[in-house]
mmCIF file of all heavy atoms, coordinates in Angstrom:
data_MODEL
# 
_entry.id   MODEL 
# 
loop_
_atom_site.group_PDB 
_atom_site.id 
_atom_site.type_symbol 
_atom_site.label_atom_id 
_atom_site.label_alt_id 
_atom_site.label_comp_id 
_atom_site.label_asym_id 
_atom_site.label_entity_id 
_atom_site.label_seq_id 
_atom_site.pdbx_PDB_ins_code 
_atom_site.Cartn_x 
_atom_site.Cartn_y 
_atom_site.Cartn_z 
_atom_site.occupancy 
_atom_site.B_iso_or_equiv 
_atom_site.pdbx_formal_charge 
_atom_site.auth_seq_id 
_atom_site.auth_comp_id 
_atom_site.auth_asym_id 
_atom_site.auth_atom_id 
_atom_site.pdbx_PDB_model_num 
ATOM 1   N N   . GLU A 1 1  ? -13.818 19.468 12.209 1.00 0.00 ? 1  GLU A N   1 
ATOM 2   C CA  . GLU A 1 1  ? -15.245 19.617 11.889 1.00 0.00 ? 1  GLU A CA  1 
ATOM 3   C C   . GLU A 1 1  ? -15.740 18.446 11.046 1.00 0.00 ? 1  GLU A C   1 
ATOM 4   O O   . GLU A 1 1  ? -16.778 17.838 11.359 1.00 0.00 ? 1  GLU A O   1 
ATOM 5   C CB  . GLU A 1 1  ? -15.482 20.927 11.139 1.00 0.00 ? 1  GLU A CB  1 
ATOM 6   C CG  . GLU A 1 1  ? -16.947 21.145 10.778 1.00 0.00 ? 1  GLU A CG  1 
ATOM 7   C CD  . GLU A 1 1  ? -17.194 22.438 10.019 1.00 0.00 ? 1  GLU A CD  1 
ATOM 8   O OE1 . GLU A 1 1  ? -16.370 22.785 9.143  1.00 0.00 ? 1  GLU A OE1 1 
ATOM 9   O OE2 . GLU A 1 1  ? -18.216 23.099 10.296 1.00 0.00 ? 1  GLU A OE2 1 
ATOM 10  N N   . MET A 1 2  ? -15.009 18.093 9.993  1.00 0.00 ? 2  MET A N   1 
ATOM 11  C CA  . MET A 1 2  ? -15.440 16.994 9.137  1.00 0.00 ? 2  MET A CA  1 
ATOM 12  C C   . MET A 1 2  ? -15.312 15.654 9.854  1.00 0.00 ? 2  MET A C   1 
ATOM 13  O O   . MET A 1 2  ? -16.129 14.746 9.642  1.00 0.00 ? 2  MET A O   1 
ATOM 14  C CB  . MET A 1 2  ? -14.625 16.981 7.839  1.00 0.00 ? 2  MET A CB  1 
ATOM 15  C CG  . MET A 1 2  ? -14.961 18.118 6.887  1.00 0.00 ? 2  MET A CG  1 
ATOM 16  S SD  . MET A 1 2  ? -16.713 18.179 6.402  1.00 0.00 ? 2  MET A SD  1 
ATOM 17  C CE  . MET A 1 2  ? -16.906 16.588 5.601  1.00 0.00 ? 2  MET A CE  1 
ATOM 18  N N   . GLU A 1 3  ? -14.319 15.527 10.712 1.00 0.00 ? 3  GLU A N   1 
ATOM 19  C CA  . GLU A 1 3  ? -14.186 14.299 11.504 1.00 0.00 ? 3  GLU A CA  1 
ATOM 20  C C   . GLU A 1 3  ? -15.438 14.087 12.359 1.00 0.00 ? 3  GLU A C   1 
ATOM 21  O O   . GLU A 1 3  ? -15.967 12.973 12.434 1.00 0.00 ? 3  GLU A O   1 
ATOM 22  C CB  . GLU A 1 3  ? -12.941 14.393 12.380 1.00 0.00 ? 3  GLU A CB  1 
ATOM 23  C CG  . GLU A 1 3  ? -12.677 13.157 13.211 1.00 0.00 ? 3  GLU A CG  1 
ATOM 24  C CD  . GLU A 1 3  ? -11.383 13.263 14.009 1.00 0.00 ? 3  GLU A CD  1 
ATOM 25  O OE1 . GLU A 1 3  ? -10.449 13.947 13.558 1.00 0.00 ? 3  GLU A OE1 1 
ATOM 26  O OE2 . GLU A 1 3  ? -11.323 12.663 15.104 1.00 0.00 ? 3  GLU A OE2 1 
ATOM 27  N N   . ARG A 1 4  ? -15.914 15.169 12.976 1.00 0.00 ? 4  ARG A N   1 
ATOM 28  C CA  . ARG A 1 4  ? -17.115 15.063 13.808 1.00 0.00 ? 4  ARG A CA  1 
ATOM 29  C C   . ARG A 1 4  ? -18.350 14.734 12.966 1.00 0.00 ? 4  ARG A C   1 
ATOM 30  O O   . ARG A 1 4  ? -19.141 13.847 13.329 1.00 0.00 ? 4  ARG A O   1 
ATOM 31  C CB  . ARG A 1 4  ? -17.323 16.388 14.568 1.00 0.00 ? 4  ARG A CB  1 
ATOM 32  C CG  . ARG A 1 4  ? -18.613 16.442 15.376 1.00 0.00 ? 4  ARG A CG  1 
ATOM 33  C CD  . ARG A 1 4  ? -18.708 17.757 16.138 1.00 0.00 ? 4  ARG A CD  1 
ATOM 34  N NE  . ARG A 1 4  ? -18.607 18.920 15.288 1.00 0.00 ? 4  ARG A NE  1 
ATOM 35  C CZ  . ARG A 1 4  ? -19.611 19.428 14.581 1.00 0.00 ? 4  ARG A CZ  1 
ATOM 36  N NH1 . ARG A 1 4  ? -20.815 18.857 14.626 1.00 0.00 ? 4  ARG A NH1 1 
ATOM 37  N NH2 . ARG A 1 4  ? -19.441 20.510 13.835 1.00 0.00 ? 4  ARG A NH2 1 
ATOM 38  N N   . LEU A 1 5  ? -18.508 15.417 11.845 1.00 0.00 ? 5  LEU A N   1 
ATOM 39  C CA  . LEU A 1 5  ? -19.702 15.222 11.024 1.00 0.00 ? 5  LEU A CA  1 
ATOM 40  C C   . LEU A 1 5  ? -19.693 13.854 10.335 1.00 0.00 ? 5  LEU A C   1 
ATOM 41  O O   . LEU A 1 5  ? -20.715 13.161 10.293 1.00 0.00 ? 5  LEU A O   1 
ATOM 42  C CB  . LEU A 1 5  ? -19.802 16.339 9.977  1.00 0.00 ? 5  LEU A CB  1 
ATOM 43  C CG  . LEU A 1 5  ? -20.089 17.743 10.512 1.00 0.00 ? 5  LEU A CG  1 
ATOM 44  C CD1 . LEU A 1 5  ? -19.973 18.776 9.396  1.00 0.00 ? 5  LEU A CD1 1 
ATOM 45  C CD2 . LEU A 1 5  ? -21.475 17.805 11.141 1.00 0.00 ? 5  LEU A CD2 1 
ATOM 46  N N   . MET A 1 6  ? -18.562 13.459 9.794  1.00 0.00 ? 6  MET A N   1 
ATOM 47  C CA  . MET A 1 6  ? -18.489 12.179 9.091  1.00 0.00 ? 6  MET A CA  1 
ATOM 48  C C   . MET A 1 6  ? -18.566 11.005 10.053 1.00 0.00 ? 6  MET A C   1 
ATOM 49  O O   . MET A 1 6  ? -19.055 9.929  9.702  1.00 0.00 ? 6  MET A O   1 
ATOM 50  C CB  . MET A 1 6  ? -17.202 12.109 8.267  1.00 0.00 ? 6  MET A CB  1 
ATOM 51  C CG  . MET A 1 6  ? -17.198 13.023 7.058  1.00 0.00 ? 6  MET A CG  1 
ATOM 52  S SD  . MET A 1 6  ? -15.619 12.995 6.177  1.00 0.00 ? 6  MET A SD  1 
ATOM 53  C CE  . MET A 1 6  ? -15.524 11.270 5.708  1.00 0.00 ? 6  MET A CE  1 
ATOM 54  N N   . GLY A 1 7  ? -18.079 11.230 11.285 1.00 0.00 ? 7  GLY A N   1 
ATOM 55  C CA  . GLY A 1 7  ? -18.072 10.152 12.265 1.00 0.00 ? 7  GLY A CA  1 
ATOM 56  C C   . GLY A 1 7  ? -19.453 9.670  12.657 1.00 0.00 ? 7  GLY A C   1 
ATOM 57  O O   . GLY A 1 7  ? -19.602 8.563  13.184 1.00 0.00 ? 7  GLY A O   1 
ATOM 58  N N   . VAL A 1 8  ? -20.469 10.470 12.366 1.00 0.00 ? 8  VAL A N   1 
ATOM 59  C CA  . VAL A 1 8  ? -21.847 10.059 12.662 1.00 0.00 ? 8  VAL A CA  1 
ATOM 60  C C   . VAL A 1 8  ? -22.246 8.866  11.802 1.00 0.00 ? 8  VAL A C   1 
ATOM 61  O O   . VAL A 1 8  ? -22.971 7.967  12.254 1.00 0.00 ? 8  VAL A O   1 
ATOM 62  C CB  . VAL A 1 8  ? -22.814 11.240 12.427 1.00 0.00 ? 8  VAL A CB  1 
ATOM 63  C CG1 . VAL A 1 8  ? -24.267 10.793 12.570 1.00 0.00 ? 8  VAL A CG1 1 
ATOM 64  C CG2 . VAL A 1 8  ? -22.506 12.385 13.381 1.00 0.00 ? 8  VAL A CG2 1 
ATOM 65  N N   . ALA A 1 9  ? -21.772 8.843  10.556 1.00 0.00 ? 9  ALA A N   1 
ATOM 66  C CA  . ALA A 1 9  ? -22.204 7.807  9.609  1.00 0.00 ? 9  ALA A CA  1 
ATOM 67  C C   . ALA A 1 9  ? -21.107 6.835  9.206  1.00 0.00 ? 9  ALA A C   1 
ATOM 68  O O   . ALA A 1 9  ? -21.404 5.710  8.808  1.00 0.00 ? 9  ALA A O   1 
ATOM 69  C CB  . ALA A 1 9  ? -22.777 8.469  8.351  1.00 0.00 ? 9  ALA A CB  1 
ATOM 70  N N   . TYR A 1 10 ? -19.843 7.269  9.294  1.00 0.00 ? 10 TYR A N   1 
ATOM 71  C CA  . TYR A 1 10 ? -18.744 6.465  8.757  1.00 0.00 ? 10 TYR A CA  1 
ATOM 72  C C   . TYR A 1 10 ? -17.707 6.170  9.829  1.00 0.00 ? 10 TYR A C   1 
ATOM 73  O O   . TYR A 1 10 ? -17.267 7.076  10.552 1.00 0.00 ? 10 TYR A O   1 
ATOM 74  C CB  . TYR A 1 10 ? -18.069 7.201  7.593  1.00 0.00 ? 10 TYR A CB  1 
ATOM 75  C CG  . TYR A 1 10 ? -19.000 7.578  6.473  1.00 0.00 ? 10 TYR A CG  1 
ATOM 76  C CD1 . TYR A 1 10 ? -19.110 8.906  6.048  1.00 0.00 ? 10 TYR A CD1 1 
ATOM 77  C CD2 . TYR A 1 10 ? -19.787 6.622  5.834  1.00 0.00 ? 10 TYR A CD2 1 
ATOM 78  C CE1 . TYR A 1 10 ? -19.966 9.259  5.018  1.00 0.00 ? 10 TYR A CE1 1 
ATOM 79  C CE2 . TYR A 1 10 ? -20.646 6.964  4.806  1.00 0.00 ? 10 TYR A CE2 1 
ATOM 80  C CZ  . TYR A 1 10 ? -20.734 8.287  4.404  1.00 0.00 ? 10 TYR A CZ  1 
ATOM 81  O OH  . TYR A 1 10 ? -21.580 8.626  3.390  1.00 0.00 ? 10 TYR A OH  1 
ATOM 82  N N   . ASP A 1 11 ? -17.306 4.906  9.908  1.00 0.00 ? 11 ASP A N   1 
ATOM 83  C CA  . ASP A 1 11 ? -16.321 4.463  10.900 1.00 0.00 ? 11 ASP A CA  1 
ATOM 84  C C   . ASP A 1 11 ? -14.951 4.344  10.225 1.00 0.00 ? 11 ASP A C   1 
ATOM 85  O O   . ASP A 1 11 ? -14.441 3.246  10.009 1.00 0.00 ? 11 ASP A O   1 
ATOM 86  C CB  . ASP A 1 11 ? -16.762 3.122  11.492 1.00 0.00 ? 11 ASP A CB  1 
ATOM 87  C CG  . ASP A 1 11 ? -15.898 2.694  12.668 1.00 0.00 ? 11 ASP A CG  1 
ATOM 88  O OD1 . ASP A 1 11 ? -14.959 3.436  13.026 1.00 0.00 ? 11 ASP A OD1 1 
ATOM 89  O OD2 . ASP A 1 11 ? -16.166 1.612  13.220 1.00 0.00 ? 11 ASP A OD2 1 
ATOM 90  N N   . LEU A 1 12 ? -14.368 5.491  9.879  1.00 0.00 ? 12 LEU A N   1 
ATOM 91  C CA  . LEU A 1 12 ? -13.075 5.458  9.184  1.00 0.00 ? 12 LEU A CA  1 
ATOM 92  C C   . LEU A 1 12 ? -11.980 4.739  9.964  1.00 0.00 ? 12 LEU A C   1 
ATOM 93  O O   . LEU A 1 12 ? -11.168 4.024  9.356  1.00 0.00 ? 12 LEU A O   1 
ATOM 94  C CB  . LEU A 1 12 ? -12.626 6.882  8.823  1.00 0.00 ? 12 LEU A CB  1 
ATOM 95  C CG  . LEU A 1 12 ? -12.896 7.294  7.369  1.00 0.00 ? 12 LEU A CG  1 
ATOM 96  C CD1 . LEU A 1 12 ? -14.385 7.376  7.116  1.00 0.00 ? 12 LEU A CD1 1 
ATOM 97  C CD2 . LEU A 1 12 ? -12.235 8.616  7.040  1.00 0.00 ? 12 LEU A CD2 1 
ATOM 98  N N   . PRO A 1 13 ? -11.896 4.885  11.306 1.00 0.00 ? 13 PRO A N   1 
ATOM 99  C CA  . PRO A 1 13 ? -10.868 4.133  12.024 1.00 0.00 ? 13 PRO A CA  1 
ATOM 100 C C   . PRO A 1 13 ? -10.986 2.626  11.800 1.00 0.00 ? 13 PRO A C   1 
ATOM 101 O O   . PRO A 1 13 ? -9.961  1.932  11.694 1.00 0.00 ? 13 PRO A O   1 
ATOM 102 C CB  . PRO A 1 13 ? -11.121 4.510  13.487 1.00 0.00 ? 13 PRO A CB  1 
ATOM 103 C CG  . PRO A 1 13 ? -11.702 5.896  13.408 1.00 0.00 ? 13 PRO A CG  1 
ATOM 104 C CD  . PRO A 1 13 ? -12.580 5.857  12.194 1.00 0.00 ? 13 PRO A CD  1 
ATOM 105 N N   . ASN A 1 14 ? -12.193 2.104  11.713 1.00 0.00 ? 14 ASN A N   1 
ATOM 106 C CA  . ASN A 1 14 ? -12.384 0.679  11.436 1.00 0.00 ? 14 ASN A CA  1 
ATOM 107 C C   . ASN A 1 14 ? -12.029 0.358  9.990  1.00 0.00 ? 14 ASN A C   1 
ATOM 108 O O   . ASN A 1 14 ? -11.346 -0.633 9.710  1.00 0.00 ? 14 ASN A O   1 
ATOM 109 C CB  . ASN A 1 14 ? -13.831 0.283  11.714 1.00 0.00 ? 14 ASN A CB  1 
ATOM 110 C CG  . ASN A 1 14 ? -14.110 -1.172 11.370 1.00 0.00 ? 14 ASN A CG  1 
ATOM 111 O OD1 . ASN A 1 14 ? -13.316 -2.057 11.655 1.00 0.00 ? 14 ASN A OD1 1 
ATOM 112 N ND2 . ASN A 1 14 ? -15.248 -1.421 10.749 1.00 0.00 ? 14 ASN A ND2 1 
ATOM 113 N N   . TYR A 1 15 ? -12.466 1.202  9.068  1.00 0.00 ? 15 TYR A N   1 
ATOM 114 C CA  . TYR A 1 15 ? -12.197 0.946  7.655  1.00 0.00 ? 15 TYR A CA  1 
ATOM 115 C C   . TYR A 1 15 ? -10.689 0.948  7.364  1.00 0.00 ? 15 TYR A C   1 
ATOM 116 O O   . TYR A 1 15 ? -10.191 0.121  6.593  1.00 0.00 ? 15 TYR A O   1 
ATOM 117 C CB  . TYR A 1 15 ? -12.849 2.009  6.761  1.00 0.00 ? 15 TYR A CB  1 
ATOM 118 C CG  . TYR A 1 15 ? -14.333 2.181  6.938  1.00 0.00 ? 15 TYR A CG  1 
ATOM 119 C CD1 . TYR A 1 15 ? -14.947 3.396  6.639  1.00 0.00 ? 15 TYR A CD1 1 
ATOM 120 C CD2 . TYR A 1 15 ? -15.153 1.143  7.390  1.00 0.00 ? 15 TYR A CD2 1 
ATOM 121 C CE1 . TYR A 1 15 ? -16.309 3.577  6.779  1.00 0.00 ? 15 TYR A CE1 1 
ATOM 122 C CE2 . TYR A 1 15 ? -16.522 1.317  7.547  1.00 0.00 ? 15 TYR A CE2 1 
ATOM 123 C CZ  . TYR A 1 15 ? -17.083 2.544  7.249  1.00 0.00 ? 15 TYR A CZ  1 
ATOM 124 O OH  . TYR A 1 15 ? -18.430 2.723  7.401  1.00 0.00 ? 15 TYR A OH  1 
ATOM 125 N N   . GLN A 1 16 ? -9.978  1.905  7.996  1.00 0.00 ? 16 GLN A N   1 
ATOM 126 C CA  . GLN A 1 16 ? -8.567  2.102  7.658  1.00 0.00 ? 16 GLN A CA  1 
ATOM 127 C C   . GLN A 1 16 ? -7.607  1.394  8.615  1.00 0.00 ? 16 GLN A C   1 
ATOM 128 O O   . GLN A 1 16 ? -6.418  1.262  8.300  1.00 0.00 ? 16 GLN A O   1 
ATOM 129 C CB  . GLN A 1 16 ? -8.236  3.600  7.642  1.00 0.00 ? 16 GLN A CB  1 
ATOM 130 C CG  . GLN A 1 16 ? -8.983  4.376  6.576  1.00 0.00 ? 16 GLN A CG  1 
ATOM 131 C CD  . GLN A 1 16 ? -8.480  5.806  6.453  1.00 0.00 ? 16 GLN A CD  1 
ATOM 132 O OE1 . GLN A 1 16 ? -7.553  6.226  7.147  1.00 0.00 ? 16 GLN A OE1 1 
ATOM 133 N NE2 . GLN A 1 16 ? -9.094  6.571  5.575  1.00 0.00 ? 16 GLN A NE2 1 
ATOM 134 N N   . GLY A 1 17 ? -8.100  0.995  9.778  1.00 0.00 ? 17 GLY A N   1 
ATOM 135 C CA  . GLY A 1 17 ? -7.206  0.372  10.747 1.00 0.00 ? 17 GLY A CA  1 
ATOM 136 C C   . GLY A 1 17 ? -6.351  1.368  11.498 1.00 0.00 ? 17 GLY A C   1 
ATOM 137 O O   . GLY A 1 17 ? -5.312  1.015  12.057 1.00 0.00 ? 17 GLY A O   1 
ATOM 138 N N   . ASN A 1 18 ? -6.765  2.638  11.532 1.00 0.00 ? 18 ASN A N   1 
ATOM 139 C CA  . ASN A 1 18 ? -6.070  3.664  12.316 1.00 0.00 ? 18 ASN A CA  1 
ATOM 140 C C   . ASN A 1 18 ? -7.054  4.788  12.602 1.00 0.00 ? 18 ASN A C   1 
ATOM 141 O O   . ASN A 1 18 ? -8.130  4.851  12.004 1.00 0.00 ? 18 ASN A O   1 
ATOM 142 C CB  . ASN A 1 18 ? -4.825  4.194  11.581 1.00 0.00 ? 18 ASN A CB  1 
ATOM 143 C CG  . ASN A 1 18 ? -5.181  4.929  10.295 1.00 0.00 ? 18 ASN A CG  1 
ATOM 144 O OD1 . ASN A 1 18 ? -5.841  5.969  10.313 1.00 0.00 ? 18 ASN A OD1 1 
ATOM 145 N ND2 . ASN A 1 18 ? -4.764  4.376  9.154  1.00 0.00 ? 18 ASN A ND2 1 
ATOM 146 N N   . ALA A 1 19 ? -6.691  5.663  13.509 1.00 0.00 ? 19 ALA A N   1 
ATOM 147 C CA  . ALA A 1 19 ? -7.597  6.743  13.921 1.00 0.00 ? 19 ALA A CA  1 
ATOM 148 C C   . ALA A 1 19 ? -7.117  8.105  13.447 1.00 0.00 ? 19 ALA A C   1 
ATOM 149 O O   . ALA A 1 19 ? -7.392  9.124  14.065 1.00 0.00 ? 19 ALA A O   1 
ATOM 150 C CB  . ALA A 1 19 ? -7.734  6.740  15.444 1.00 0.00 ? 19 ALA A CB  1 
ATOM 151 N N   . SER A 1 20 ? -6.413  8.147  12.317 1.00 0.00 ? 20 SER A N   1 
ATOM 152 C CA  . SER A 1 20 ? -5.805  9.399  11.866 1.00 0.00 ? 20 SER A CA  1 
ATOM 153 C C   . SER A 1 20 ? -6.778  10.335 11.174 1.00 0.00 ? 20 SER A C   1 
ATOM 154 O O   . SER A 1 20 ? -6.566  11.542 11.146 1.00 0.00 ? 20 SER A O   1 
ATOM 155 C CB  . SER A 1 20 ? -4.652  9.095  10.904 1.00 0.00 ? 20 SER A CB  1 
ATOM 156 O OG  . SER A 1 20 ? -5.144  8.519  9.703  1.00 0.00 ? 20 SER A OG  1 
ATOM 157 N N   . TRP A 1 21 ? -7.839  9.807  10.573 1.00 0.00 ? 21 TRP A N   1 
ATOM 158 C CA  . TRP A 1 21 ? -8.768  10.588 9.776  1.00 0.00 ? 21 TRP A CA  1 
ATOM 159 C C   . TRP A 1 21 ? -8.057  11.315 8.640  1.00 0.00 ? 21 TRP A C   1 
ATOM 160 O O   . TRP A 1 21 ? -8.339  12.466 8.336  1.00 0.00 ? 21 TRP A O   1 
ATOM 161 C CB  . TRP A 1 21 ? -9.589  11.547 10.638 1.00 0.00 ? 21 TRP A CB  1 
ATOM 162 C CG  . TRP A 1 21 ? -10.573 10.815 11.495 1.00 0.00 ? 21 TRP A CG  1 
ATOM 163 C CD1 . TRP A 1 21 ? -10.329 10.258 12.731 1.00 0.00 ? 21 TRP A CD1 1 
ATOM 164 C CD2 . TRP A 1 21 ? -11.937 10.513 11.197 1.00 0.00 ? 21 TRP A CD2 1 
ATOM 165 N NE1 . TRP A 1 21 ? -11.456 9.636  13.218 1.00 0.00 ? 21 TRP A NE1 1 
ATOM 166 C CE2 . TRP A 1 21 ? -12.468 9.765  12.293 1.00 0.00 ? 21 TRP A CE2 1 
ATOM 167 C CE3 . TRP A 1 21 ? -12.777 10.795 10.123 1.00 0.00 ? 21 TRP A CE3 1 
ATOM 168 C CZ2 . TRP A 1 21 ? -13.780 9.313  12.330 1.00 0.00 ? 21 TRP A CZ2 1 
ATOM 169 C CZ3 . TRP A 1 21 ? -14.094 10.333 10.160 1.00 0.00 ? 21 TRP A CZ3 1 
ATOM 170 C CH2 . TRP A 1 21 ? -14.570 9.610  11.256 1.00 0.00 ? 21 TRP A CH2 1 
ATOM 171 N N   . PHE A 1 22 ? -7.095  10.629 8.043  1.00 0.00 ? 22 PHE A N   1 
ATOM 172 C CA  . PHE A 1 22 ? -6.442  11.106 6.829  1.00 0.00 ? 22 PHE A CA  1 
ATOM 173 C C   . PHE A 1 22 ? -7.102  10.426 5.628  1.00 0.00 ? 22 PHE A C   1 
ATOM 174 O O   . PHE A 1 22 ? -7.469  9.251  5.683  1.00 0.00 ? 22 PHE A O   1 
ATOM 175 C CB  . PHE A 1 22 ? -4.955  10.767 6.842  1.00 0.00 ? 22 PHE A CB  1 
ATOM 176 C CG  . PHE A 1 22 ? -4.084  11.841 7.424  1.00 0.00 ? 22 PHE A CG  1 
ATOM 177 C CD1 . PHE A 1 22 ? -4.215  12.233 8.753  1.00 0.00 ? 22 PHE A CD1 1 
ATOM 178 C CD2 . PHE A 1 22 ? -3.124  12.481 6.655  1.00 0.00 ? 22 PHE A CD2 1 
ATOM 179 C CE1 . PHE A 1 22 ? -3.422  13.212 9.300  1.00 0.00 ? 22 PHE A CE1 1 
ATOM 180 C CE2 . PHE A 1 22 ? -2.320  13.467 7.196  1.00 0.00 ? 22 PHE A CE2 1 
ATOM 181 C CZ  . PHE A 1 22 ? -2.461  13.837 8.519  1.00 0.00 ? 22 PHE A CZ  1 
ATOM 182 N N   . LEU A 1 23 ? -7.207  11.159 4.530  1.00 0.00 ? 23 LEU A N   1 
ATOM 183 C CA  . LEU A 1 23 ? -7.733  10.619 3.283  1.00 0.00 ? 23 LEU A CA  1 
ATOM 184 C C   . LEU A 1 23 ? -6.854  11.091 2.133  1.00 0.00 ? 23 LEU A C   1 
ATOM 185 O O   . LEU A 1 23 ? -6.236  12.164 2.221  1.00 0.00 ? 23 LEU A O   1 
ATOM 186 C CB  . LEU A 1 23 ? -9.167  11.093 3.040  1.00 0.00 ? 23 LEU A CB  1 
ATOM 187 C CG  . LEU A 1 23 ? -10.256 10.516 3.952  1.00 0.00 ? 23 LEU A CG  1 
ATOM 188 C CD1 . LEU A 1 23 ? -11.578 11.227 3.695  1.00 0.00 ? 23 LEU A CD1 1 
ATOM 189 C CD2 . LEU A 1 23 ? -10.404 9.020  3.714  1.00 0.00 ? 23 LEU A CD2 1 
ATOM 190 N N   . PRO A 1 24 ? -6.824  10.329 1.049  1.00 0.00 ? 24 PRO A N   1 
ATOM 191 C CA  . PRO A 1 24 ? -6.115  10.834 -0.128 1.00 0.00 ? 24 PRO A CA  1 
ATOM 192 C C   . PRO A 1 24 ? -6.980  11.839 -0.876 1.00 0.00 ? 24 PRO A C   1 
ATOM 193 O O   . PRO A 1 24 ? -8.212  11.736 -0.885 1.00 0.00 ? 24 PRO A O   1 
ATOM 194 C CB  . PRO A 1 24 ? -5.910  9.571  -0.977 1.00 0.00 ? 24 PRO A CB  1 
ATOM 195 C CG  . PRO A 1 24 ? -7.090  8.710  -0.627 1.00 0.00 ? 24 PRO A CG  1 
ATOM 196 C CD  . PRO A 1 24 ? -7.380  8.985  0.831  1.00 0.00 ? 24 PRO A CD  1 
ATOM 197 N N   . ILE A 1 25 ? -6.341  12.830 -1.471 1.00 0.00 ? 25 ILE A N   1 
ATOM 198 C CA  . ILE A 1 25 ? -7.040  13.649 -2.451 1.00 0.00 ? 25 ILE A CA  1 
ATOM 199 C C   . ILE A 1 25 ? -7.327  12.754 -3.652 1.00 0.00 ? 25 ILE A C   1 
ATOM 200 O O   . ILE A 1 25 ? -6.408  12.142 -4.193 1.00 0.00 ? 25 ILE A O   1 
ATOM 201 C CB  . ILE A 1 25 ? -6.167  14.844 -2.888 1.00 0.00 ? 25 ILE A CB  1 
ATOM 202 C CG1 . ILE A 1 25 ? -5.902  15.781 -1.720 1.00 0.00 ? 25 ILE A CG1 1 
ATOM 203 C CG2 . ILE A 1 25 ? -6.833  15.596 -4.045 1.00 0.00 ? 25 ILE A CG2 1 
ATOM 204 C CD1 . ILE A 1 25 ? -4.899  16.872 -2.033 1.00 0.00 ? 25 ILE A CD1 1 
ATOM 205 N N   . PRO A 1 26 ? -8.583  12.617 -4.062 1.00 0.00 ? 26 PRO A N   1 
ATOM 206 C CA  . PRO A 1 26 ? -8.851  11.790 -5.233 1.00 0.00 ? 26 PRO A CA  1 
ATOM 207 C C   . PRO A 1 26 ? -8.055  12.317 -6.430 1.00 0.00 ? 26 PRO A C   1 
ATOM 208 O O   . PRO A 1 26 ? -8.088  13.511 -6.744 1.00 0.00 ? 26 PRO A O   1 
ATOM 209 C CB  . PRO A 1 26 ? -10.351 11.949 -5.450 1.00 0.00 ? 26 PRO A CB  1 
ATOM 210 C CG  . PRO A 1 26 ? -10.883 12.283 -4.102 1.00 0.00 ? 26 PRO A CG  1 
ATOM 211 C CD  . PRO A 1 26 ? -9.827  13.145 -3.474 1.00 0.00 ? 26 PRO A CD  1 
ATOM 212 N N   . ALA A 1 27 ? -7.319  11.451 -7.066 1.00 0.00 ? 27 ALA A N   1 
ATOM 213 C CA  . ALA A 1 27 ? -6.435  11.863 -8.155 1.00 0.00 ? 27 ALA A CA  1 
ATOM 214 C C   . ALA A 1 27 ? -6.332  10.730 -9.157 1.00 0.00 ? 27 ALA A C   1 
ATOM 215 O O   . ALA A 1 27 ? -6.506  9.561  -8.807 1.00 0.00 ? 27 ALA A O   1 
ATOM 216 C CB  . ALA A 1 27 ? -5.047  12.212 -7.610 1.00 0.00 ? 27 ALA A CB  1 
# 
């Protein structure tokens, strides 16, 4: 769900160099 919604505005595969849609828990 978040992959679909965030993908409208953010190109995480380009930013990260992979298509995993993994993020760190901010810590």
